[in-house]
Amino acid sequence: MTCRFILSEVVEDQVADDEGYSIFEPTLAFEINRKNAFHALGIEGRKSTVTMPFREEALEEQPE
């Protein structure tokens, strides 16, 4: 089984911005065996995925 994430609608000005890490919001598609997993929901991909804030929270050190 092959899986991959595909980013589209990338706005280069967002990436180049000083706040690019926080405002980067591409459309996200997910494929399993070359088939878009979102098609079952009737959409091509998910817009406004919250990747950066989640990543920051997930990578925070937990208190001992």
PDB file of N, CA and C in Angstrom:
ATOM      1  N   MET A   1       0.847  -1.163   0.000  1.00  0.00           N
ATOM      2  CA  MET A   1       0.000   0.000   0.000  1.00  0.00           C
ATOM      3  C   MET A   1       0.898   1.233   0.000  1.00  0.00           C
ATOM      4  N   THR A   2       0.587   2.181  -0.856  1.00  0.00           N
ATOM      5  CA  THR A   2       1.320   3.445  -0.872  1.00  0.00           C
ATOM      6  C   THR A   2       0.385   4.564  -0.443  1.00  0.00           C
ATOM      7  N   CYS A   3       0.901   5.445   0.372  1.00  0.00           N
ATOM      8  CA  CYS A   3       0.147   6.596   0.851  1.00  0.00           C
ATOM      9  C   CYS A   3       0.970   7.848   0.612  1.00  0.00           C
ATOM     10  N   ARG A   4       0.300   8.938   0.276  1.00  0.00           N
ATOM     11  CA  ARG A   4       1.024  10.201   0.139  1.00  0.00           C
ATOM     12  C   ARG A   4       0.083  11.366   0.375  1.00  0.00           C
ATOM     13  N   PHE A   5       0.665  12.435   0.902  1.00  0.00           N
ATOM     14  CA  PHE A   5      -0.029  13.698   1.092  1.00  0.00           C
ATOM     15  C   PHE A   5       0.346  14.607  -0.064  1.00  0.00           C
ATOM     16  N   ILE A   6      -0.610  15.353  -0.576  1.00  0.00           N
ATOM     17  CA  ILE A   6      -0.372  16.254  -1.694  1.00  0.00           C
ATOM     18  C   ILE A   6      -0.846  17.644  -1.289  1.00  0.00           C
ATOM     19  N   LEU A   7       0.052  18.619  -1.408  1.00  0.00           N
ATOM     20  CA  LEU A   7      -0.290  20.002  -1.112  1.00  0.00           C
ATOM     21  C   LEU A   7      -0.530  20.739  -2.429  1.00  0.00           C
ATOM     22  N   SER A   8      -1.613  21.499  -2.502  1.00  0.00           N
ATOM     23  CA  SER A   8      -1.884  22.323  -3.674  1.00  0.00           C
ATOM     24  C   SER A   8      -2.349  23.691  -3.202  1.00  0.00           C
ATOM     25  N   GLU A   9      -2.542  24.587  -4.138  1.00  0.00           N
ATOM     26  CA  GLU A   9      -2.934  25.955  -3.829  1.00  0.00           C
ATOM     27  C   GLU A   9      -1.952  26.604  -2.857  1.00  0.00           C
ATOM     28  N   VAL A  10      -0.672  26.358  -3.072  1.00  0.00           N
ATOM     29  CA  VAL A  10       0.373  26.961  -2.258  1.00  0.00           C
ATOM     30  C   VAL A  10       0.570  28.399  -2.730  1.00  0.00           C
ATOM     31  N   VAL A  11       0.451  29.340  -1.832  1.00  0.00           N
ATOM     32  CA  VAL A  11       0.631  30.756  -2.141  1.00  0.00           C
ATOM     33  C   VAL A  11       2.054  31.136  -1.745  1.00  0.00           C
ATOM     34  N   GLU A  12       2.887  31.382  -2.736  1.00  0.00           N
ATOM     35  CA  GLU A  12       4.303  31.645  -2.466  1.00  0.00           C
ATOM     36  C   GLU A  12       4.520  32.850  -1.564  1.00  0.00           C
ATOM     37  N   ASP A  13       3.653  33.851  -1.650  1.00  0.00           N
ATOM     38  CA  ASP A  13       3.792  35.018  -0.777  1.00  0.00           C
ATOM     39  C   ASP A  13       3.610  34.631   0.690  1.00  0.00           C
ATOM     40  N   GLN A  14       2.741  33.661   0.960  1.00  0.00           N
ATOM     41  CA  GLN A  14       2.567  33.200   2.343  1.00  0.00           C
ATOM     42  C   GLN A  14       3.824  32.514   2.839  1.00  0.00           C
ATOM     43  N   VAL A  15       4.411  31.697   2.008  1.00  0.00           N
ATOM     44  CA  VAL A  15       5.606  30.946   2.403  1.00  0.00           C
ATOM     45  C   VAL A  15       6.770  31.902   2.651  1.00  0.00           C
ATOM     46  N   ALA A  16       6.888  32.939   1.822  1.00  0.00           N
ATOM     47  CA  ALA A  16       8.004  33.877   1.925  1.00  0.00           C
ATOM     48  C   ALA A  16       7.816  34.907   3.038  1.00  0.00           C
ATOM     49  N   ASP A  17       6.596  35.057   3.544  1.00  0.00           N
ATOM     50  CA  ASP A  17       6.305  36.041   4.579  1.00  0.00           C
ATOM     51  C   ASP A  17       7.032  35.708   5.878  1.00  0.00           C
ATOM     52  N   ASP A  18       7.344  36.740   6.666  1.00  0.00           N
ATOM     53  CA  ASP A  18       7.987  36.516   7.971  1.00  0.00           C
ATOM     54  C   ASP A  18       7.150  35.612   8.871  1.00  0.00           C
ATOM     55  N   GLU A  19       5.836  35.646   8.694  1.00  0.00           N
ATOM     56  CA  GLU A  19       4.930  34.804   9.478  1.00  0.00           C
ATOM     57  C   GLU A  19       4.503  33.561   8.681  1.00  0.00           C
ATOM     58  N   GLY A  20       5.234  33.228   7.649  1.00  0.00           N
ATOM     59  CA  GLY A  20       4.867  32.128   6.768  1.00  0.00           C
ATOM     60  C   GLY A  20       4.634  30.815   7.492  1.00  0.00           C
ATOM     61  N   TYR A  21       5.403  30.553   8.525  1.00  0.00           N
ATOM     62  CA  TYR A  21       5.244  29.318   9.282  1.00  0.00           C
ATOM     63  C   TYR A  21       3.846  29.227   9.891  1.00  0.00           C
ATOM     64  N   SER A  22       3.297  30.360  10.290  1.00  0.00           N
ATOM     65  CA  SER A  22       1.994  30.382  10.949  1.00  0.00           C
ATOM     66  C   SER A  22       0.820  30.495   9.984  1.00  0.00           C
ATOM     67  N   ILE A  23       1.035  31.118   8.816  1.00  0.00           N
ATOM     68  CA  ILE A  23      -0.096  31.382   7.922  1.00  0.00           C
ATOM     69  C   ILE A  23      -0.158  30.446   6.723  1.00  0.00           C
ATOM     70  N   PHE A  24       0.776  29.511   6.598  1.00  0.00           N
ATOM     71  CA  PHE A  24       0.819  28.593   5.462  1.00  0.00           C
ATOM     72  C   PHE A  24      -0.386  27.662   5.511  1.00  0.00           C
ATOM     73  N   GLU A  25      -1.321  27.815   4.555  1.00  0.00           N
ATOM     74  CA  GLU A  25      -2.541  27.014   4.539  1.00  0.00           C
ATOM     75  C   GLU A  25      -2.837  26.487   3.136  1.00  0.00           C
ATOM     76  N   PRO A  26      -2.088  25.495   2.676  1.00  0.00           N
ATOM     77  CA  PRO A  26      -2.390  24.920   1.364  1.00  0.00           C
ATOM     78  C   PRO A  26      -3.607  23.997   1.456  1.00  0.00           C
ATOM     79  N   THR A  27      -4.080  23.557   0.313  1.00  0.00           N
ATOM     80  CA  THR A  27      -5.109  22.517   0.293  1.00  0.00           C
ATOM     81  C   THR A  27      -4.388  21.178   0.393  1.00  0.00           C
ATOM     82  N   LEU A  28      -4.914  20.302   1.211  1.00  0.00           N
ATOM     83  CA  LEU A  28      -4.285  19.019   1.470  1.00  0.00           C
ATOM     84  C   LEU A  28      -5.135  17.890   0.897  1.00  0.00           C
ATOM     85  N   ALA A  29      -4.518  17.036   0.107  1.00  0.00           N
ATOM     86  CA  ALA A  29      -5.168  15.819  -0.384  1.00  0.00           C
ATOM     87  C   ALA A  29      -4.384  14.631   0.165  1.00  0.00           C
ATOM     88  N   PHE A  30      -5.051  13.508   0.309  1.00  0.00           N
ATOM     89  CA  PHE A  30      -4.420  12.303   0.816  1.00  0.00           C
ATOM     90  C   PHE A  30      -4.769  11.159  -0.124  1.00  0.00           C
ATOM     91  N   GLU A  31      -3.744  10.498  -0.652  1.00  0.00           N
ATOM     92  CA  GLU A  31      -3.958   9.377  -1.571  1.00  0.00           C
ATOM     93  C   GLU A  31      -3.542   8.060  -0.928  1.00  0.00           C
ATOM     94  N   ILE A  32      -4.345   7.050  -1.166  1.00  0.00           N
ATOM     95  CA  ILE A  32      -4.024   5.675  -0.774  1.00  0.00           C
ATOM     96  C   ILE A  32      -4.075   4.854  -2.057  1.00  0.00           C
ATOM     97  N   ASN A  33      -2.960   4.229  -2.397  1.00  0.00           N
ATOM     98  CA  ASN A  33      -2.859   3.472  -3.650  1.00  0.00           C
ATOM     99  C   ASN A  33      -3.331   4.289  -4.852  1.00  0.00           C
ATOM    100  N   ARG A  34      -2.870   5.539  -4.903  1.00  0.00           N
ATOM    101  CA  ARG A  34      -3.137   6.467  -6.005  1.00  0.00           C
ATOM    102  C   ARG A  34      -4.593   6.889  -6.132  1.00  0.00           C
ATOM    103  N   LYS A  35      -5.398   6.679  -5.098  1.00  0.00           N
ATOM    104  CA  LYS A  35      -6.795   7.118  -5.110  1.00  0.00           C
ATOM    105  C   LYS A  35      -6.987   8.144  -4.008  1.00  0.00           C
ATOM    106  N   ASN A  36      -7.621   9.257  -4.361  1.00  0.00           N
ATOM    107  CA  ASN A  36      -7.844  10.338  -3.408  1.00  0.00           C
ATOM    108  C   ASN A  36      -8.834   9.874  -2.338  1.00  0.00           C
ATOM    109  N   ALA A  37      -8.377   9.844  -1.093  1.00  0.00           N
ATOM    110  CA  ALA A  37      -9.218   9.385   0.013  1.00  0.00           C
ATOM    111  C   ALA A  37     -10.386  10.336   0.281  1.00  0.00           C
ATOM    112  N   PHE A  38     -10.280  11.579  -0.157  1.00  0.00           N
ATOM    113  CA  PHE A  38     -11.347  12.545   0.067  1.00  0.00           C
ATOM    114  C   PHE A  38     -12.499  12.399  -0.930  1.00  0.00           C
ATOM    115  N   HIS A  39     -12.310  11.664  -2.013  1.00  0.00           N
ATOM    116  CA  HIS A  39     -13.386  11.499  -2.998  1.00  0.00           C
ATOM    117  C   HIS A  39     -14.634  10.887  -2.370  1.00  0.00           C
ATOM    118  N   ALA A  40     -14.460  10.015  -1.385  1.00  0.00           N
ATOM    119  CA  ALA A  40     -15.614   9.405  -0.716  1.00  0.00           C
ATOM    120  C   ALA A  40     -16.476  10.466  -0.032  1.00  0.00           C
ATOM    121  N   LEU A  41     -15.873  11.592   0.308  1.00  0.00           N
ATOM    122  CA  LEU A  41     -16.602  12.699   0.939  1.00  0.00           C
ATOM    123  C   LEU A  41     -17.120  13.698  -0.089  1.00  0.00           C
ATOM    124  N   GLY A  42     -16.795  13.454  -1.357  1.00  0.00           N
ATOM    125  CA  GLY A  42     -17.240  14.328  -2.422  1.00  0.00           C
ATOM    126  C   GLY A  42     -16.411  15.594  -2.577  1.00  0.00           C
ATOM    127  N   ILE A  43     -15.176  15.568  -2.084  1.00  0.00           N
ATOM    128  CA  ILE A  43     -14.291  16.735  -2.207  1.00  0.00           C
ATOM    129  C   ILE A  43     -12.935  16.292  -2.736  1.00  0.00           C
ATOM    130  N   GLU A  44     -12.183  17.254  -3.255  1.00  0.00           N
ATOM    131  CA  GLU A  44     -10.852  16.954  -3.797  1.00  0.00           C
ATOM    132  C   GLU A  44      -9.765  16.986  -2.721  1.00  0.00           C
ATOM    133  N   GLY A  45      -9.983  17.785  -1.708  1.00  0.00           N
ATOM    134  CA  GLY A  45      -8.985  17.928  -0.651  1.00  0.00           C
ATOM    135  C   GLY A  45      -9.545  18.755   0.475  1.00  0.00           C
ATOM    136  N   ARG A  46      -8.724  18.972   1.483  1.00  0.00           N
ATOM    137  CA  ARG A  46      -9.158  19.722   2.657  1.00  0.00           C
ATOM    138  C   ARG A  46      -8.436  21.056   2.687  1.00  0.00           C
ATOM    139  N   LYS A  47      -9.202  22.124   2.737  1.00  0.00           N
ATOM    140  CA  LYS A  47      -8.658  23.483   2.799  1.00  0.00           C
ATOM    141  C   LYS A  47      -8.583  23.914   4.265  1.00  0.00           C
ATOM    142  N   SER A  48      -7.652  24.788   4.555  1.00  0.00           N
ATOM    143  CA  SER A  48      -7.480  25.344   5.901  1.00  0.00           C
ATOM    144  C   SER A  48      -7.184  24.271   6.942  1.00  0.00           C
ATOM    145  N   THR A  49      -6.306  23.375   6.597  1.00  0.00           N
ATOM    146  CA  THR A  49      -5.875  22.397   7.588  1.00  0.00           C
ATOM    147  C   THR A  49      -4.965  23.094   8.582  1.00  0.00           C
ATOM    148  N   VAL A  50      -5.079  22.761   9.824  1.00  0.00           N
ATOM    149  CA  VAL A  50      -4.298  23.413  10.877  1.00  0.00           C
ATOM    150  C   VAL A  50      -3.076  22.549  11.155  1.00  0.00           C
ATOM    151  N   THR A  51      -2.038  22.731  10.340  1.00  0.00           N
ATOM    152  CA  THR A  51      -0.857  21.896  10.494  1.00  0.00           C
ATOM    153  C   THR A  51       0.184  22.515  11.405  1.00  0.00           C
ATOM    154  N   MET A  52       0.448  23.795  11.261  1.00  0.00           N
ATOM    155  CA  MET A  52       1.536  24.399  12.015  1.00  0.00           C
ATOM    156  C   MET A  52       1.242  24.493  13.510  1.00  0.00           C
ATOM    157  N   PRO A  53       0.088  25.016  13.951  1.00  0.00           N
ATOM    158  CA  PRO A  53      -0.175  25.048  15.384  1.00  0.00           C
ATOM    159  C   PRO A  53      -0.191  23.652  16.000  1.00  0.00           C
ATOM    160  N   PHE A  54      -0.724  22.663  15.277  1.00  0.00           N
ATOM    161  CA  PHE A  54      -0.718  21.301  15.802  1.00  0.00           C
ATOM    162  C   PHE A  54       0.706  20.791  15.962  1.00  0.00           C
ATOM    163  N   ARG A  55       1.535  21.041  14.967  1.00  0.00           N
ATOM    164  CA  ARG A  55       2.923  20.575  15.031  1.00  0.00           C
ATOM    165  C   ARG A  55       3.635  21.187  16.243  1.00  0.00           C
ATOM    166  N   GLU A  56       3.437  22.486  16.446  1.00  0.00           N
ATOM    167  CA  GLU A  56       4.069  23.135  17.594  1.00  0.00           C
ATOM    168  C   GLU A  56       3.607  22.498  18.902  1.00  0.00           C
ATOM    169  N   GLU A  57       2.317  22.253  19.012  1.00  0.00           N
ATOM    170  CA  GLU A  57       1.781  21.650  20.241  1.00  0.00           C
ATOM    171  C   GLU A  57       2.284  20.224  20.416  1.00  0.00           C
ATOM    172  N   ALA A  58       2.317  19.465  19.335  1.00  0.00           N
ATOM    173  CA  ALA A  58       2.746  18.065  19.412  1.00  0.00           C
ATOM    174  C   ALA A  58       4.214  17.943  19.754  1.00  0.00           C
ATOM    175  N   LEU A  59       5.025  18.922  19.362  1.00  0.00           N
ATOM    176  CA  LEU A  59       6.462  18.834  19.595  1.00  0.00           C
ATOM    177  C   LEU A  59       6.906  19.477  20.920  1.00  0.00           C
ATOM    178  N   GLU A  60       5.959  20.111  21.629  1.00  0.00           N
ATOM    179  CA  GLU A  60       6.325  20.712  22.902  1.00  0.00           C
ATOM    180  C   GLU A  60       6.836  19.653  23.864  1.00  0.00           C
ATOM    181  N   GLU A  61       7.813  20.069  24.665  1.00  0.00           N
ATOM    182  CA  GLU A  61       8.303  19.146  25.689  1.00  0.00           C
ATOM    183  C   GLU A  61       7.265  19.045  26.784  1.00  0.00           C
ATOM    184  N   GLN A  62       6.993  17.847  27.217  1.00  0.00           N
ATOM    185  CA  GLN A  62       6.030  17.611  28.280  1.00  0.00           C
ATOM    186  C   GLN A  62       6.744  17.709  29.633  1.00  0.00           C
ATOM    187  N   PRO A  63       6.091  18.321  30.622  1.00  0.00           N
ATOM    188  CA  PRO A  63       6.722  18.397  31.947  1.00  0.00           C
ATOM    189  C   PRO A  63       6.903  17.018  32.545  1.00  0.00           C
ATOM    190  N   GLU A  64       7.971  16.881  33.289  1.00  0.00           N
ATOM    191  CA  GLU A  64       8.244  15.565  33.903  1.00  0.00           C
ATOM    192  C   GLU A  64       7.475  15.355  35.159  1.00  0.00           C
TER     193      GLU A  64
END
